[in-house]
Amino acid sequence: MNKKDLPATKEGMRTGMTCTADHVVKVIEDNTERILTALGRYAHAVEDQHRAVAIHGRILTEIQLQLQDHDQRIVRLEASRGQP
């Protein structure tokens, strides 16, 4: 689609350029389809990103729990060494 195919603007109306209602509807449908396609792609990318963040968060939580468990073991070992 080139600029000649677009519906008339205010400037175009002053200079006598007009377009048919069918043409305007077609342009609006085309633009709407492009917008919906772009939104669909964006939504898919956001879902992928959300999934990646959730997995990353789960991994960090598991590591944090392992570190806490490790710290507790160290405290118990140090405490048992101090007693005869």
PDB file of N, CA and C in Angstrom:
ATOM      1  N   MET A   1       0.849  -1.164   0.000  1.00  0.00           N
ATOM      2  CA  MET A   1       0.000   0.000   0.000  1.00  0.00           C
ATOM      3  C   MET A   1       0.899   1.233   0.000  1.00  0.00           C
ATOM      4  N   ASN A   2       0.629   2.187  -0.874  1.00  0.00           N
ATOM      5  CA  ASN A   2       1.415   3.410  -0.884  1.00  0.00           C
ATOM      6  C   ASN A   2       0.567   4.577  -0.402  1.00  0.00           C
ATOM      7  N   LYS A   3       1.147   5.761  -0.376  1.00  0.00           N
ATOM      8  CA  LYS A   3       0.444   6.916   0.177  1.00  0.00           C
ATOM      9  C   LYS A   3      -0.798   7.274  -0.632  1.00  0.00           C
ATOM     10  N   LYS A   4      -0.818   6.975  -1.911  1.00  0.00           N
ATOM     11  CA  LYS A   4      -1.995   7.272  -2.728  1.00  0.00           C
ATOM     12  C   LYS A   4      -3.195   6.444  -2.300  1.00  0.00           C
ATOM     13  N   ASP A   5      -2.941   5.282  -1.706  1.00  0.00           N
ATOM     14  CA  ASP A   5      -4.020   4.388  -1.308  1.00  0.00           C
ATOM     15  C   ASP A   5      -4.656   4.774   0.016  1.00  0.00           C
ATOM     16  N   LEU A   6      -4.020   5.664   0.760  1.00  0.00           N
ATOM     17  CA  LEU A   6      -4.545   6.031   2.072  1.00  0.00           C
ATOM     18  C   LEU A   6      -5.752   6.942   1.927  1.00  0.00           C
ATOM     19  N   PRO A   7      -6.648   6.926   2.914  1.00  0.00           N
ATOM     20  CA  PRO A   7      -7.820   7.795   2.835  1.00  0.00           C
ATOM     21  C   PRO A   7      -7.413   9.264   2.826  1.00  0.00           C
ATOM     22  N   ALA A   8      -8.306  10.081   2.319  1.00  0.00           N
ATOM     23  CA  ALA A   8      -8.024  11.514   2.200  1.00  0.00           C
ATOM     24  C   ALA A   8      -7.826  12.146   3.573  1.00  0.00           C
ATOM     25  N   THR A   9      -6.859  13.030   3.657  1.00  0.00           N
ATOM     26  CA  THR A   9      -6.619  13.787   4.874  1.00  0.00           C
ATOM     27  C   THR A   9      -7.312  15.130   4.760  1.00  0.00           C
ATOM     28  N   LYS A  10      -7.232  15.961   5.786  1.00  0.00           N
ATOM     29  CA  LYS A  10      -7.807  17.305   5.700  1.00  0.00           C
ATOM     30  C   LYS A  10      -7.213  18.068   4.523  1.00  0.00           C
ATOM     31  N   GLU A  11      -5.890  17.903   4.348  1.00  0.00           N
ATOM     32  CA  GLU A  11      -5.213  18.554   3.222  1.00  0.00           C
ATOM     33  C   GLU A  11      -5.761  18.040   1.899  1.00  0.00           C
ATOM     34  N   GLY A  12      -5.940  16.727   1.833  1.00  0.00           N
ATOM     35  CA  GLY A  12      -6.470  16.125   0.616  1.00  0.00           C
ATOM     36  C   GLY A  12      -7.878  16.592   0.317  1.00  0.00           C
ATOM     37  N   MET A  13      -8.669  16.786   1.346  1.00  0.00           N
ATOM     38  CA  MET A  13     -10.036  17.251   1.153  1.00  0.00           C
ATOM     39  C   MET A  13     -10.051  18.679   0.603  1.00  0.00           C
ATOM     40  N   ARG A  14      -9.127  19.511   1.060  1.00  0.00           N
ATOM     41  CA  ARG A  14      -9.051  20.889   0.556  1.00  0.00           C
ATOM     42  C   ARG A  14      -8.648  20.921  -0.915  1.00  0.00           C
ATOM     43  N   THR A  15      -7.831  19.968  -1.308  1.00  0.00           N
ATOM     44  CA  THR A  15      -7.357  19.967  -2.691  1.00  0.00           C
ATOM     45  C   THR A  15      -8.262  19.153  -3.599  1.00  0.00           C
ATOM     46  N   GLY A  16      -9.342  18.599  -3.057  1.00  0.00           N
ATOM     47  CA  GLY A  16     -10.297  17.875  -3.881  1.00  0.00           C
ATOM     48  C   GLY A  16     -10.061  16.383  -3.957  1.00  0.00           C
ATOM     49  N   MET A  17      -9.062  15.869  -3.251  1.00  0.00           N
ATOM     50  CA  MET A  17      -8.840  14.430  -3.259  1.00  0.00           C
ATOM     51  C   MET A  17      -9.891  13.754  -2.382  1.00  0.00           C
ATOM     52  N   THR A  18     -10.501  12.734  -2.893  1.00  0.00           N
ATOM     53  CA  THR A  18     -11.499  12.002  -2.106  1.00  0.00           C
ATOM     54  C   THR A  18     -11.230  10.513  -2.258  1.00  0.00           C
ATOM     55  N   CYS A  19     -11.894   9.731  -1.445  1.00  0.00           N
ATOM     56  CA  CYS A  19     -11.807   8.287  -1.573  1.00  0.00           C
ATOM     57  C   CYS A  19     -13.170   7.705  -1.272  1.00  0.00           C
ATOM     58  N   THR A  20     -13.405   6.503  -1.713  1.00  0.00           N
ATOM     59  CA  THR A  20     -14.706   5.873  -1.512  1.00  0.00           C
ATOM     60  C   THR A  20     -14.802   5.298  -0.107  1.00  0.00           C
ATOM     61  N   ALA A  21     -16.015   5.087   0.328  1.00  0.00           N
ATOM     62  CA  ALA A  21     -16.243   4.490   1.649  1.00  0.00           C
ATOM     63  C   ALA A  21     -15.656   3.084   1.692  1.00  0.00           C
ATOM     64  N   ASP A  22     -15.768   2.350   0.577  1.00  0.00           N
ATOM     65  CA  ASP A  22     -15.201   1.003   0.530  1.00  0.00           C
ATOM     66  C   ASP A  22     -13.689   1.029   0.731  1.00  0.00           C
ATOM     67  N   HIS A  23     -13.055   2.020   0.147  1.00  0.00           N
ATOM     68  CA  HIS A  23     -11.602   2.144   0.287  1.00  0.00           C
ATOM     69  C   HIS A  23     -11.228   2.447   1.745  1.00  0.00           C
ATOM     70  N   VAL A  24     -11.979   3.348   2.361  1.00  0.00           N
ATOM     71  CA  VAL A  24     -11.719   3.697   3.760  1.00  0.00           C
ATOM     72  C   VAL A  24     -11.893   2.464   4.640  1.00  0.00           C
ATOM     73  N   VAL A  25     -12.953   1.709   4.414  1.00  0.00           N
ATOM     74  CA  VAL A  25     -13.205   0.498   5.195  1.00  0.00           C
ATOM     75  C   VAL A  25     -12.062  -0.492   5.002  1.00  0.00           C
ATOM     76  N   LYS A  26     -11.614  -0.665   3.768  1.00  0.00           N
ATOM     77  CA  LYS A  26     -10.514  -1.594   3.479  1.00  0.00           C
ATOM     78  C   LYS A  26      -9.245  -1.164   4.196  1.00  0.00           C
ATOM     79  N   VAL A  27      -8.931   0.121   4.171  1.00  0.00           N
ATOM     80  CA  VAL A  27      -7.731   0.622   4.844  1.00  0.00           C
ATOM     81  C   VAL A  27      -7.840   0.414   6.349  1.00  0.00           C
ATOM     82  N   ILE A  28      -9.007   0.689   6.909  1.00  0.00           N
ATOM     83  CA  ILE A  28      -9.210   0.505   8.348  1.00  0.00           C
ATOM     84  C   ILE A  28      -9.074  -0.975   8.709  1.00  0.00           C
ATOM     85  N   GLU A  29      -9.646  -1.851   7.904  1.00  0.00           N
ATOM     86  CA  GLU A  29      -9.529  -3.294   8.167  1.00  0.00           C
ATOM     87  C   GLU A  29      -8.076  -3.743   8.094  1.00  0.00           C
ATOM     88  N   ASP A  30      -7.358  -3.263   7.092  1.00  0.00           N
ATOM     89  CA  ASP A  30      -5.944  -3.624   6.959  1.00  0.00           C
ATOM     90  C   ASP A  30      -5.145  -3.134   8.167  1.00  0.00           C
ATOM     91  N   ASN A  31      -5.377  -1.895   8.556  1.00  0.00           N
ATOM     92  CA  ASN A  31      -4.653  -1.335   9.701  1.00  0.00           C
ATOM     93  C   ASN A  31      -5.014  -2.079  10.983  1.00  0.00           C
ATOM     94  N   THR A  32      -6.289  -2.405  11.143  1.00  0.00           N
ATOM     95  CA  THR A  32      -6.737  -3.137  12.319  1.00  0.00           C
ATOM     96  C   THR A  32      -6.078  -4.508  12.371  1.00  0.00           C
ATOM     97  N   GLU A  33      -6.007  -5.181  11.221  1.00  0.00           N
ATOM     98  CA  GLU A  33      -5.368  -6.503  11.169  1.00  0.00           C
ATOM     99  C   GLU A  33      -3.893  -6.409  11.545  1.00  0.00           C
ATOM    100  N   ARG A  34      -3.201  -5.397  11.042  1.00  0.00           N
ATOM    101  CA  ARG A  34      -1.784  -5.223  11.382  1.00  0.00           C
ATOM    102  C   ARG A  34      -1.605  -4.966  12.872  1.00  0.00           C
ATOM    103  N   ILE A  35      -2.488  -4.150  13.446  1.00  0.00           N
ATOM    104  CA  ILE A  35      -2.404  -3.841  14.877  1.00  0.00           C
ATOM    105  C   ILE A  35      -2.654  -5.095  15.703  1.00  0.00           C
ATOM    106  N   LEU A  36      -3.684  -5.856  15.337  1.00  0.00           N
ATOM    107  CA  LEU A  36      -3.997  -7.078  16.088  1.00  0.00           C
ATOM    108  C   LEU A  36      -2.871  -8.102  15.980  1.00  0.00           C
ATOM    109  N   THR A  37      -2.267  -8.210  14.809  1.00  0.00           N
ATOM    110  CA  THR A  37      -1.133  -9.126  14.630  1.00  0.00           C
ATOM    111  C   THR A  37       0.034  -8.695  15.506  1.00  0.00           C
ATOM    112  N   ALA A  38       0.318  -7.394  15.517  1.00  0.00           N
ATOM    113  CA  ALA A  38       1.421  -6.883  16.346  1.00  0.00           C
ATOM    114  C   ALA A  38       1.135  -7.115  17.827  1.00  0.00           C
ATOM    115  N   LEU A  39      -0.089  -6.887  18.248  1.00  0.00           N
ATOM    116  CA  LEU A  39      -0.454  -7.115  19.656  1.00  0.00           C
ATOM    117  C   LEU A  39      -0.340  -8.596  20.016  1.00  0.00           C
ATOM    118  N   GLY A  40      -0.724  -9.463  19.098  1.00  0.00           N
ATOM    119  CA  GLY A  40      -0.597 -10.904  19.338  1.00  0.00           C
ATOM    120  C   GLY A  40       0.849 -11.320  19.520  1.00  0.00           C
ATOM    121  N   ARG A  41       1.718 -10.784  18.666  1.00  0.00           N
ATOM    122  CA  ARG A  41       3.151 -11.087  18.797  1.00  0.00           C
ATOM    123  C   ARG A  41       3.695 -10.556  20.120  1.00  0.00           C
ATOM    124  N   TYR A  42       3.284  -9.346  20.478  1.00  0.00           N
ATOM    125  CA  TYR A  42       3.750  -8.742  21.727  1.00  0.00           C
ATOM    126  C   TYR A  42       3.260  -9.572  22.917  1.00  0.00           C
ATOM    127  N   ALA A  43       1.997  -9.979  22.889  1.00  0.00           N
ATOM    128  CA  ALA A  43       1.451 -10.782  23.992  1.00  0.00           C
ATOM    129  C   ALA A  43       2.206 -12.102  24.125  1.00  0.00           C
ATOM    130  N   HIS A  44       2.531 -12.711  23.002  1.00  0.00           N
ATOM    131  CA  HIS A  44       3.289 -13.964  23.039  1.00  0.00           C
ATOM    132  C   HIS A  44       4.674 -13.733  23.647  1.00  0.00           C
ATOM    133  N   ALA A  45       5.322 -12.644  23.258  1.00  0.00           N
ATOM    134  CA  ALA A  45       6.652 -12.333  23.803  1.00  0.00           C
ATOM    135  C   ALA A  45       6.572 -12.076  25.303  1.00  0.00           C
ATOM    136  N   VAL A  46       5.518 -11.394  25.748  1.00  0.00           N
ATOM    137  CA  VAL A  46       5.343 -11.122  27.179  1.00  0.00           C
ATOM    138  C   VAL A  46       5.127 -12.426  27.940  1.00  0.00           C
ATOM    139  N   GLU A  47       4.340 -13.332  27.380  1.00  0.00           N
ATOM    140  CA  GLU A  47       4.126 -14.635  28.031  1.00  0.00           C
ATOM    141  C   GLU A  47       5.439 -15.405  28.157  1.00  0.00           C
ATOM    142  N   ASP A  48       6.237 -15.386  27.090  1.00  0.00           N
ATOM    143  CA  ASP A  48       7.543 -16.058  27.140  1.00  0.00           C
ATOM    144  C   ASP A  48       8.429 -15.442  28.220  1.00  0.00           C
ATOM    145  N   GLN A  49       8.445 -14.125  28.295  1.00  0.00           N
ATOM    146  CA  GLN A  49       9.256 -13.428  29.294  1.00  0.00           C
ATOM    147  C   GLN A  49       8.761 -13.747  30.708  1.00  0.00           C
ATOM    148  N   HIS A  50       7.448 -13.769  30.883  1.00  0.00           N
ATOM    149  CA  HIS A  50       6.868 -14.081  32.196  1.00  0.00           C
ATOM    150  C   HIS A  50       7.262 -15.496  32.624  1.00  0.00           C
ATOM    151  N   ARG A  51       7.199 -16.428  31.687  1.00  0.00           N
ATOM    152  CA  ARG A  51       7.580 -17.811  31.977  1.00  0.00           C
ATOM    153  C   ARG A  51       9.049 -17.879  32.385  1.00  0.00           C
ATOM    154  N   ALA A  52       9.903 -17.161  31.669  1.00  0.00           N
ATOM    155  CA  ALA A  52      11.338 -17.164  31.988  1.00  0.00           C
ATOM    156  C   ALA A  52      11.595 -16.565  33.365  1.00  0.00           C
ATOM    157  N   VAL A  53      10.893 -15.500  33.699  1.00  0.00           N
ATOM    158  CA  VAL A  53      11.060 -14.866  35.013  1.00  0.00           C
ATOM    159  C   VAL A  53      10.591 -15.815  36.114  1.00  0.00           C
ATOM    160  N   ALA A  54       9.493 -16.513  35.885  1.00  0.00           N
ATOM    161  CA  ALA A  54       8.985 -17.454  36.887  1.00  0.00           C
ATOM    162  C   ALA A  54       9.982 -18.587  37.111  1.00  0.00           C
ATOM    163  N   ILE A  55      10.545 -19.120  36.037  1.00  0.00           N
ATOM    164  CA  ILE A  55      11.541 -20.192  36.173  1.00  0.00           C
ATOM    165  C   ILE A  55      12.765 -19.675  36.913  1.00  0.00           C
ATOM    166  N   HIS A  56      13.223 -18.494  36.561  1.00  0.00           N
ATOM    167  CA  HIS A  56      14.385 -17.903  37.221  1.00  0.00           C
ATOM    168  C   HIS A  56      14.113 -17.706  38.715  1.00  0.00           C
ATOM    169  N   GLY A  57      12.920 -17.219  39.041  1.00  0.00           N
ATOM    170  CA  GLY A  57      12.553 -17.018  40.444  1.00  0.00           C
ATOM    171  C   GLY A  57      12.525 -18.322  41.210  1.00  0.00           C
ATOM    172  N   ARG A  58      12.010 -19.374  40.569  1.00  0.00           N
ATOM    173  CA  ARG A  58      11.969 -20.691  41.218  1.00  0.00           C
ATOM    174  C   ARG A  58      13.387 -21.199  41.483  1.00  0.00           C
ATOM    175  N   ILE A  59      14.272 -21.032  40.526  1.00  0.00           N
ATOM    176  CA  ILE A  59      15.661 -21.463  40.692  1.00  0.00           C
ATOM    177  C   ILE A  59      16.317 -20.705  41.842  1.00  0.00           C
ATOM    178  N   LEU A  60      16.107 -19.377  41.891  1.00  0.00           N
ATOM    179  CA  LEU A  60      16.689 -18.574  42.970  1.00  0.00           C
ATOM    180  C   LEU A  60      16.155 -18.998  44.333  1.00  0.00           C
ATOM    181  N   THR A  61      14.878 -19.325  44.405  1.00  0.00           N
ATOM    182  CA  THR A  61      14.287 -19.777  45.666  1.00  0.00           C
ATOM    183  C   THR A  61      14.916 -21.090  46.113  1.00  0.00           C
ATOM    184  N   GLU A  62      15.097 -22.014  45.161  1.00  0.00           N
ATOM    185  CA  GLU A  62      15.726 -23.299  45.499  1.00  0.00           C
ATOM    186  C   GLU A  62      17.152 -23.093  46.005  1.00  0.00           C
ATOM    187  N   ILE A  63      17.891 -22.212  45.355  1.00  0.00           N
ATOM    188  CA  ILE A  63      19.269 -21.941  45.788  1.00  0.00           C
ATOM    189  C   ILE A  63      19.282 -21.317  47.178  1.00  0.00           C
ATOM    190  N   GLN A  64      18.365 -20.400  47.426  1.00  0.00           N
ATOM    191  CA  GLN A  64      18.295 -19.760  48.741  1.00  0.00           C
ATOM    192  C   GLN A  64      18.000 -20.799  49.830  1.00  0.00           C
ATOM    193  N   LEU A  65      17.081 -21.719  49.562  1.00  0.00           N
ATOM    194  CA  LEU A  65      16.759 -22.767  50.542  1.00  0.00           C
ATOM    195  C   LEU A  65      17.959 -23.678  50.786  1.00  0.00           C
ATOM    196  N   GLN A  66      18.693 -24.002  49.715  1.00  0.00           N
ATOM    197  CA  GLN A  66      19.885 -24.833  49.874  1.00  0.00           C
ATOM    198  C   GLN A  66      20.943 -24.117  50.713  1.00  0.00           C
ATOM    199  N   LEU A  67      21.100 -22.824  50.501  1.00  0.00           N
ATOM    200  CA  LEU A  67      22.069 -22.054  51.291  1.00  0.00           C
ATOM    201  C   LEU A  67      21.675 -22.001  52.761  1.00  0.00           C
ATOM    202  N   GLN A  68      20.384 -21.826  53.029  1.00  0.00           N
ATOM    203  CA  GLN A  68      19.927 -21.800  54.419  1.00  0.00           C
ATOM    204  C   GLN A  68      20.188 -23.153  55.083  1.00  0.00           C
ATOM    205  N   ASP A  69      19.902 -24.226  54.362  1.00  0.00           N
ATOM    206  CA  ASP A  69      20.143 -25.567  54.896  1.00  0.00           C
ATOM    207  C   ASP A  69      21.639 -25.772  55.144  1.00  0.00           C
ATOM    208  N   HIS A  70      22.450 -25.322  54.223  1.00  0.00           N
ATOM    209  CA  HIS A  70      23.902 -25.441  54.361  1.00  0.00           C
ATOM    210  C   HIS A  70      24.392 -24.650  55.575  1.00  0.00           C
ATOM    211  N   ASP A  71      23.877 -23.444  55.730  1.00  0.00           N
ATOM    212  CA  ASP A  71      24.257 -22.629  56.895  1.00  0.00           C
ATOM    213  C   ASP A  71      23.889 -23.332  58.202  1.00  0.00           C
ATOM    214  N   GLN A  72      22.722 -23.940  58.251  1.00  0.00           N
ATOM    215  CA  GLN A  72      22.298 -24.653  59.459  1.00  0.00           C
ATOM    216  C   GLN A  72      23.225 -25.828  59.759  1.00  0.00           C
ATOM    217  N   ARG A  73      23.626 -26.533  58.715  1.00  0.00           N
ATOM    218  CA  ARG A  73      24.559 -27.652  58.916  1.00  0.00           C
ATOM    219  C   ARG A  73      25.891 -27.163  59.452  1.00  0.00           C
ATOM    220  N   ILE A  74      26.397 -26.062  58.928  1.00  0.00           N
ATOM    221  CA  ILE A  74      27.669 -25.499  59.397  1.00  0.00           C
ATOM    222  C   ILE A  74      27.565 -25.114  60.862  1.00  0.00           C
ATOM    223  N   VAL A  75      26.463 -24.482  61.244  1.00  0.00           N
ATOM    224  CA  VAL A  75      26.267 -24.086  62.648  1.00  0.00           C
ATOM    225  C   VAL A  75      26.258 -25.325  63.533  1.00  0.00           C
ATOM    226  N   ARG A  76      25.574 -26.389  63.121  1.00  0.00           N
ATOM    227  CA  ARG A  76      25.526 -27.621  63.916  1.00  0.00           C
ATOM    228  C   ARG A  76      26.915 -28.266  64.011  1.00  0.00           C
ATOM    229  N   LEU A  77      27.649 -28.285  62.901  1.00  0.00           N
ATOM    230  CA  LEU A  77      28.998 -28.871  62.931  1.00  0.00           C
ATOM    231  C   LEU A  77      29.926 -28.074  63.838  1.00  0.00           C
ATOM    232  N   GLU A  78      29.858 -26.752  63.740  1.00  0.00           N
ATOM    233  CA  GLU A  78      30.706 -25.915  64.596  1.00  0.00           C
ATOM    234  C   GLU A  78      30.331 -26.094  66.058  1.00  0.00           C
ATOM    235  N   ALA A  79      29.051 -26.224  66.333  1.00  0.00           N
ATOM    236  CA  ALA A  79      28.615 -26.418  67.713  1.00  0.00           C
ATOM    237  C   ALA A  79      29.071 -27.771  68.248  1.00  0.00           C
ATOM    238  N   SER A  80      29.046 -28.802  67.425  1.00  0.00           N
ATOM    239  CA  SER A  80      29.457 -30.136  67.886  1.00  0.00           C
ATOM    240  C   SER A  80      30.978 -30.197  68.080  1.00  0.00           C
ATOM    241  N   ARG A  81      31.748 -29.443  67.356  1.00  0.00           N
ATOM    242  CA  ARG A  81      33.215 -29.403  67.536  1.00  0.00           C
ATOM    243  C   ARG A  81      33.597 -28.749  68.837  1.00  0.00           C
ATOM    244  N   GLY A  82      32.827 -27.791  69.250  1.00  0.00           N
ATOM    245  CA  GLY A  82      33.147 -27.063  70.475  1.00  0.00           C
ATOM    246  C   GLY A  82      32.914 -27.879  71.728  1.00  0.00           C
ATOM    247  N   GLN A  83      32.113 -28.928  71.643  1.00  0.00           N
ATOM    248  CA  GLN A  83      31.822 -29.746  72.820  1.00  0.00           C
ATOM    249  C   GLN A  83      32.712 -30.990  72.826  1.00  0.00           C
ATOM    250  N   PRO A  84      33.285 -31.340  73.999  1.00  0.00           N
ATOM    251  CA  PRO A  84      34.168 -32.513  74.085  1.00  0.00           C
ATOM    252  C   PRO A  84      33.404 -33.807  74.019  1.00  0.00           C
TER     253      PRO A  84
END
